[in-house]
């Protein structure tokens, strides 16, 4: 019935660049100095500028909409727990895995985001998969 099964997974790498942070900040209107001001950020526990958490959320959304479950996917809910900061220049590995499929098209996915095999975020998404 569905073109995917429980246990199926997909992943994609993304490098967080200066232009990624600028574009996200402009679209979201989030200009927190932790993301944009090196002097400010260097005085915090992070020691340097960090990427917006919303960028990671966007990468999760993109992989679900384009790959797994795929086109026709729309968010119902998202839980994400940030474990460690992501810095400009880091390459993140975004992974989603199908945990549950309901007959009405509701799909639960487990999310994992890592940098150099270190978990930086994890969570769970619930999406609606619309087949045409």
N, C-alpha and C. Protein backbone atom coordinates (compact mmCIF):
# COMPACT_ATOMS: atom_id res chain seq x y z
N UNK A 1 0.81 -1.20 0.00
CA UNK A 1 0.00 0.00 0.00
C UNK A 1 0.85 1.27 0.00
N UNK A 2 1.94 1.29 0.79
CA UNK A 2 2.84 2.43 0.83
C UNK A 2 4.15 2.05 0.15
N UNK A 3 4.83 3.02 -0.46
CA UNK A 3 6.10 2.72 -1.14
C UNK A 3 7.30 2.64 -0.20
N UNK A 4 7.05 2.47 1.09
CA UNK A 4 8.11 2.36 2.10
C UNK A 4 7.58 1.46 3.21
N UNK A 5 8.50 1.00 4.06
CA UNK A 5 8.14 0.06 5.13
C UNK A 5 8.78 0.48 6.44
N UNK A 6 8.25 -0.05 7.54
CA UNK A 6 8.89 0.16 8.83
C UNK A 6 10.33 -0.34 8.74
N UNK A 7 11.26 0.45 9.23
CA UNK A 7 12.68 0.11 9.18
C UNK A 7 13.42 0.78 8.05
N UNK A 8 12.70 1.25 7.01
CA UNK A 8 13.37 1.97 5.92
C UNK A 8 13.99 3.25 6.46
N UNK A 9 15.11 3.64 5.89
CA UNK A 9 15.78 4.86 6.34
C UNK A 9 16.36 5.61 5.16
N UNK A 10 16.64 6.88 5.40
CA UNK A 10 17.26 7.74 4.40
C UNK A 10 18.17 8.72 5.13
N UNK A 11 19.20 9.17 4.45
CA UNK A 11 20.12 10.12 5.06
C UNK A 11 20.68 11.06 3.99
N UNK A 12 21.14 12.21 4.45
CA UNK A 12 21.76 13.18 3.56
C UNK A 12 22.69 14.06 4.36
N UNK A 13 23.81 14.42 3.77
CA UNK A 13 24.77 15.33 4.41
C UNK A 13 24.57 16.75 3.91
N UNK A 14 24.80 17.69 4.81
CA UNK A 14 24.75 19.12 4.49
C UNK A 14 25.89 19.81 5.23
N UNK A 15 26.56 20.71 4.56
CA UNK A 15 27.58 21.52 5.23
C UNK A 15 26.97 22.88 5.55
N UNK A 16 27.10 23.27 6.82
CA UNK A 16 26.58 24.57 7.27
C UNK A 16 27.59 25.64 6.88
N UNK A 17 27.20 26.51 5.98
CA UNK A 17 28.09 27.57 5.50
C UNK A 17 27.64 28.93 6.05
N UNK A 18 28.49 29.90 5.88
CA UNK A 18 28.15 31.28 6.24
C UNK A 18 26.88 31.72 5.51
N UNK A 19 26.79 31.38 4.23
CA UNK A 19 25.61 31.80 3.46
C UNK A 19 24.34 31.08 3.94
N UNK A 20 24.48 29.83 4.42
CA UNK A 20 23.33 29.11 4.99
C UNK A 20 22.79 29.88 6.19
N UNK A 21 23.67 30.29 7.09
CA UNK A 21 23.28 31.01 8.30
C UNK A 21 22.67 32.37 7.95
N UNK A 22 23.27 33.08 7.03
CA UNK A 22 22.74 34.39 6.63
C UNK A 22 21.35 34.23 6.01
N UNK A 23 21.21 33.28 5.08
CA UNK A 23 19.91 33.07 4.42
C UNK A 23 18.84 32.69 5.44
N UNK A 24 19.16 31.75 6.33
CA UNK A 24 18.18 31.33 7.33
C UNK A 24 17.81 32.50 8.25
N UNK A 25 18.81 33.24 8.68
CA UNK A 25 18.56 34.40 9.55
C UNK A 25 17.65 35.42 8.88
N UNK A 26 17.87 35.65 7.60
CA UNK A 26 17.04 36.61 6.88
C UNK A 26 15.62 36.11 6.68
N UNK A 27 15.46 34.84 6.32
CA UNK A 27 14.12 34.29 6.12
C UNK A 27 13.35 34.22 7.44
N UNK A 28 14.00 33.79 8.50
CA UNK A 28 13.33 33.60 9.79
C UNK A 28 13.28 34.89 10.62
N UNK A 29 14.08 35.87 10.24
CA UNK A 29 14.26 37.11 11.00
C UNK A 29 14.89 36.85 12.38
N UNK A 30 15.65 35.75 12.48
CA UNK A 30 16.37 35.41 13.70
C UNK A 30 17.80 35.89 13.54
N UNK A 31 18.10 37.04 14.12
CA UNK A 31 19.44 37.61 14.02
C UNK A 31 20.15 37.60 15.38
N UNK A 32 19.92 36.55 16.14
CA UNK A 32 20.56 36.35 17.43
C UNK A 32 22.08 36.49 17.25
N UNK A 33 22.74 37.28 18.10
CA UNK A 33 24.19 37.45 17.95
C UNK A 33 24.99 36.15 18.11
N UNK A 34 24.40 35.11 18.72
CA UNK A 34 25.08 33.82 18.78
C UNK A 34 25.35 33.26 17.39
N UNK A 35 24.53 33.68 16.42
CA UNK A 35 24.67 33.20 15.05
C UNK A 35 25.47 34.17 14.16
N UNK A 36 25.51 35.46 14.55
CA UNK A 36 26.05 36.47 13.63
C UNK A 36 27.23 37.28 14.15
N UNK A 37 27.45 37.31 15.44
CA UNK A 37 28.48 38.19 16.01
C UNK A 37 29.56 37.35 16.69
N UNK A 38 30.70 37.24 16.03
CA UNK A 38 31.79 36.40 16.54
C UNK A 38 32.26 36.85 17.91
N UNK A 39 32.36 38.16 18.13
CA UNK A 39 32.82 38.66 19.43
C UNK A 39 31.84 38.26 20.53
N UNK A 40 30.57 38.46 20.29
CA UNK A 40 29.55 38.07 21.27
C UNK A 40 29.61 36.57 21.52
N UNK A 41 29.58 35.78 20.44
CA UNK A 41 29.55 34.32 20.56
C UNK A 41 30.78 33.78 21.27
N UNK A 42 31.94 34.41 21.06
CA UNK A 42 33.18 33.92 21.69
C UNK A 42 33.15 34.08 23.21
N UNK A 43 32.27 34.94 23.71
CA UNK A 43 32.17 35.14 25.16
C UNK A 43 31.13 34.22 25.80
N UNK A 44 30.53 33.35 25.01
CA UNK A 44 29.52 32.43 25.54
C UNK A 44 30.11 31.04 25.77
N UNK A 45 29.32 30.15 26.34
CA UNK A 45 29.76 28.77 26.57
C UNK A 45 30.12 28.05 25.28
N UNK A 46 29.62 28.55 24.13
CA UNK A 46 29.88 27.89 22.85
C UNK A 46 31.24 28.26 22.26
N UNK A 47 31.78 29.40 22.65
CA UNK A 47 33.12 29.79 22.23
C UNK A 47 33.22 30.38 20.84
N UNK A 48 32.20 30.19 20.05
CA UNK A 48 32.16 30.75 18.69
C UNK A 48 30.73 30.68 18.18
N UNK A 49 30.51 31.23 17.00
CA UNK A 49 29.17 31.27 16.44
C UNK A 49 28.62 29.87 16.18
N UNK A 50 27.32 29.72 16.42
CA UNK A 50 26.65 28.45 16.18
C UNK A 50 25.56 28.62 15.12
N UNK A 51 25.20 27.52 14.49
CA UNK A 51 24.12 27.52 13.50
C UNK A 51 22.78 27.56 14.22
N UNK A 52 21.78 28.10 13.56
CA UNK A 52 20.41 28.09 14.06
C UNK A 52 19.91 26.64 14.15
N UNK A 53 19.22 26.30 15.21
CA UNK A 53 18.60 24.99 15.31
C UNK A 53 17.57 24.76 14.21
N UNK A 54 16.92 25.83 13.79
CA UNK A 54 15.92 25.74 12.73
C UNK A 54 16.48 25.25 11.40
N UNK A 55 17.75 25.47 11.16
CA UNK A 55 18.37 24.96 9.94
C UNK A 55 18.31 23.43 9.95
N UNK A 56 18.60 22.84 11.09
CA UNK A 56 18.56 21.38 11.20
C UNK A 56 17.14 20.87 11.02
N UNK A 57 16.19 21.57 11.61
CA UNK A 57 14.78 21.21 11.44
C UNK A 57 14.43 21.25 9.94
N UNK A 58 14.90 22.26 9.24
CA UNK A 58 14.65 22.37 7.80
C UNK A 58 15.24 21.21 7.02
N UNK A 59 16.41 20.75 7.41
CA UNK A 59 17.01 19.60 6.72
C UNK A 59 16.19 18.33 6.95
N UNK A 60 15.63 18.19 8.15
CA UNK A 60 14.74 17.05 8.40
C UNK A 60 13.51 17.13 7.50
N UNK A 61 12.92 18.29 7.44
CA UNK A 61 11.74 18.50 6.60
C UNK A 61 12.05 18.17 5.14
N UNK A 62 13.19 18.62 4.67
CA UNK A 62 13.57 18.40 3.27
C UNK A 62 13.74 16.92 2.94
N UNK A 63 14.39 16.17 3.82
CA UNK A 63 14.60 14.75 3.52
C UNK A 63 13.27 13.99 3.54
N UNK A 64 12.37 14.40 4.44
CA UNK A 64 11.06 13.73 4.49
C UNK A 64 10.21 14.07 3.26
N UNK A 65 10.26 15.30 2.81
CA UNK A 65 9.46 15.72 1.67
C UNK A 65 10.00 15.20 0.34
N UNK A 66 11.31 15.00 0.27
CA UNK A 66 11.89 14.61 -1.02
C UNK A 66 12.23 13.13 -1.12
N UNK A 67 12.50 12.48 0.02
CA UNK A 67 13.04 11.12 -0.02
C UNK A 67 12.21 10.10 0.76
N UNK A 68 12.02 10.33 2.05
CA UNK A 68 11.33 9.34 2.89
C UNK A 68 10.52 10.04 3.96
N UNK A 69 9.22 9.94 3.91
CA UNK A 69 8.38 9.16 3.03
C UNK A 69 8.37 9.62 1.57
N UNK A 70 8.57 10.92 1.31
CA UNK A 70 8.66 11.40 -0.06
C UNK A 70 7.62 12.46 -0.39
N UNK A 71 7.54 12.84 -1.68
CA UNK A 71 6.60 13.88 -2.10
C UNK A 71 5.18 13.56 -1.63
N UNK A 72 4.51 14.60 -1.14
CA UNK A 72 3.18 14.44 -0.58
C UNK A 72 3.19 14.39 0.94
N UNK A 73 4.38 14.44 1.54
CA UNK A 73 4.51 14.39 3.00
C UNK A 73 4.27 15.77 3.60
N UNK A 74 3.48 15.81 4.66
CA UNK A 74 3.22 17.07 5.36
C UNK A 74 3.37 16.82 6.87
N UNK A 75 3.97 17.77 7.58
CA UNK A 75 4.19 17.64 9.01
C UNK A 75 2.89 17.62 9.81
N UNK A 76 2.84 16.76 10.82
CA UNK A 76 1.81 16.79 11.84
C UNK A 76 2.43 17.30 13.14
N UNK A 77 3.62 16.76 13.49
CA UNK A 77 4.32 17.23 14.68
C UNK A 77 5.81 16.90 14.58
N UNK A 78 6.59 17.60 15.41
CA UNK A 78 8.03 17.39 15.45
C UNK A 78 8.52 17.61 16.87
N UNK A 79 9.30 16.67 17.36
CA UNK A 79 10.03 16.83 18.61
C UNK A 79 11.50 16.74 18.26
N UNK A 80 12.29 17.66 18.76
CA UNK A 80 13.73 17.60 18.53
C UNK A 80 14.45 18.01 19.81
N UNK A 81 15.45 17.25 20.16
CA UNK A 81 16.28 17.53 21.33
C UNK A 81 17.69 17.81 20.84
N UNK A 82 18.18 19.00 21.15
CA UNK A 82 19.53 19.38 20.74
C UNK A 82 20.51 18.95 21.83
N UNK A 83 21.50 18.15 21.43
CA UNK A 83 22.46 17.59 22.38
C UNK A 83 23.78 18.35 22.39
N UNK A 84 24.10 19.00 21.28
CA UNK A 84 25.40 19.64 21.13
C UNK A 84 25.29 20.71 20.05
N UNK A 85 26.07 21.78 20.13
CA UNK A 85 25.97 22.83 19.11
C UNK A 85 26.52 22.37 17.76
N UNK A 86 26.03 23.02 16.73
CA UNK A 86 26.54 22.83 15.38
C UNK A 86 27.17 24.16 14.97
N UNK A 87 28.40 24.09 14.51
CA UNK A 87 29.15 25.29 14.16
C UNK A 87 29.18 25.49 12.65
N UNK A 88 29.39 26.74 12.26
CA UNK A 88 29.55 27.06 10.86
C UNK A 88 30.78 26.30 10.35
N UNK A 89 30.61 25.61 9.24
CA UNK A 89 31.67 24.78 8.69
C UNK A 89 31.47 23.30 8.97
N UNK A 90 30.63 22.97 9.96
CA UNK A 90 30.34 21.56 10.24
C UNK A 90 29.52 20.94 9.12
N UNK A 91 29.77 19.67 8.88
CA UNK A 91 28.93 18.88 7.97
C UNK A 91 28.06 17.99 8.84
N UNK A 92 26.75 18.14 8.68
CA UNK A 92 25.81 17.34 9.46
C UNK A 92 25.29 16.18 8.61
N UNK A 93 25.11 15.04 9.25
CA UNK A 93 24.47 13.89 8.63
C UNK A 93 23.08 13.80 9.22
N UNK A 94 22.07 13.98 8.37
CA UNK A 94 20.67 13.95 8.78
C UNK A 94 20.09 12.59 8.40
N UNK A 95 19.51 11.90 9.38
CA UNK A 95 18.97 10.56 9.15
C UNK A 95 17.54 10.47 9.66
N UNK A 96 16.69 9.82 8.87
CA UNK A 96 15.32 9.52 9.30
C UNK A 96 15.07 8.03 9.09
N UNK A 97 14.29 7.45 10.00
CA UNK A 97 13.97 6.03 9.92
C UNK A 97 12.49 5.85 10.24
N UNK A 98 11.79 5.09 9.41
CA UNK A 98 10.37 4.84 9.61
C UNK A 98 10.20 3.91 10.81
N UNK A 99 9.44 4.38 11.81
CA UNK A 99 9.19 3.60 13.02
C UNK A 99 7.79 3.00 13.03
N UNK A 100 6.84 3.67 12.38
CA UNK A 100 5.45 3.20 12.42
C UNK A 100 4.70 3.76 11.22
N UNK A 101 3.81 2.97 10.66
CA UNK A 101 2.94 3.40 9.56
C UNK A 101 1.52 3.01 9.92
N UNK A 102 0.63 3.98 9.89
CA UNK A 102 -0.79 3.70 10.15
C UNK A 102 -1.54 3.69 8.82
N UNK A 103 -2.64 2.98 8.78
CA UNK A 103 -3.40 2.82 7.54
C UNK A 103 -3.94 4.14 6.99
N UNK A 104 -4.09 5.16 7.85
CA UNK A 104 -4.59 6.45 7.40
C UNK A 104 -3.50 7.36 6.84
N UNK A 105 -2.30 6.83 6.68
CA UNK A 105 -1.20 7.60 6.10
C UNK A 105 -0.34 8.33 7.12
N UNK A 106 -0.63 8.18 8.39
CA UNK A 106 0.20 8.79 9.43
C UNK A 106 1.46 7.93 9.60
N UNK A 107 2.61 8.59 9.55
CA UNK A 107 3.90 7.90 9.63
C UNK A 107 4.71 8.53 10.75
N UNK A 108 5.28 7.70 11.61
CA UNK A 108 6.16 8.16 12.68
C UNK A 108 7.59 7.81 12.30
N UNK A 109 8.47 8.81 12.38
CA UNK A 109 9.87 8.64 12.01
C UNK A 109 10.77 9.03 13.17
N UNK A 110 11.85 8.29 13.32
CA UNK A 110 12.89 8.62 14.29
C UNK A 110 13.96 9.43 13.54
N UNK A 111 14.39 10.53 14.15
CA UNK A 111 15.37 11.42 13.53
C UNK A 111 16.68 11.42 14.31
N UNK A 112 17.76 11.52 13.57
CA UNK A 112 19.09 11.60 14.19
C UNK A 112 19.93 12.53 13.33
N UNK A 113 20.64 13.46 13.98
CA UNK A 113 21.55 14.36 13.28
C UNK A 113 22.89 14.29 13.99
N UNK A 114 23.96 14.07 13.22
CA UNK A 114 25.29 13.94 13.82
C UNK A 114 26.32 14.74 13.03
N UNK A 115 27.40 15.04 13.72
CA UNK A 115 28.58 15.68 13.13
C UNK A 115 29.77 14.81 13.49
N UNK A 116 30.44 14.28 12.49
CA UNK A 116 31.61 13.41 12.70
C UNK A 116 31.29 12.31 13.73
N UNK A 117 30.19 11.62 13.52
CA UNK A 117 29.74 10.51 14.37
C UNK A 117 29.38 10.91 15.81
N UNK A 118 29.21 12.21 16.06
CA UNK A 118 28.77 12.69 17.37
C UNK A 118 27.33 13.16 17.22
N UNK A 119 26.43 12.60 18.03
CA UNK A 119 25.03 12.98 17.99
C UNK A 119 24.86 14.42 18.44
N UNK A 120 24.26 15.26 17.58
CA UNK A 120 24.02 16.66 17.95
C UNK A 120 22.54 16.94 18.16
N UNK A 121 21.67 16.11 17.58
CA UNK A 121 20.23 16.28 17.77
C UNK A 121 19.54 14.96 17.48
N UNK A 122 18.42 14.75 18.16
CA UNK A 122 17.62 13.56 17.90
C UNK A 122 16.17 13.93 18.14
N UNK A 123 15.28 13.14 17.58
CA UNK A 123 13.88 13.44 17.78
C UNK A 123 12.97 12.48 17.07
N UNK A 124 11.74 12.94 16.94
CA UNK A 124 10.71 12.13 16.33
C UNK A 124 9.79 13.04 15.54
N UNK A 125 9.41 12.61 14.35
CA UNK A 125 8.47 13.34 13.51
C UNK A 125 7.24 12.49 13.30
N UNK A 126 6.11 13.14 13.23
CA UNK A 126 4.88 12.50 12.79
C UNK A 126 4.43 13.28 11.56
N UNK A 127 4.23 12.55 10.47
CA UNK A 127 3.87 13.18 9.21
C UNK A 127 2.64 12.49 8.62
N UNK A 128 2.02 13.17 7.70
CA UNK A 128 0.93 12.60 6.92
C UNK A 128 1.46 12.39 5.51
N UNK A 129 1.39 11.16 5.03
CA UNK A 129 1.86 10.87 3.68
C UNK A 129 0.64 10.77 2.77
N UNK A 130 0.56 11.67 1.81
CA UNK A 130 -0.54 11.70 0.84
C UNK A 130 -0.06 11.05 -0.45
N UNK A 131 -0.68 9.95 -0.78
CA UNK A 131 -0.38 9.31 -2.07
C UNK A 131 -1.32 9.86 -3.12
N UNK A 132 -0.84 9.94 -4.36
CA UNK A 132 -1.76 10.34 -5.42
C UNK A 132 -2.06 9.16 -6.30
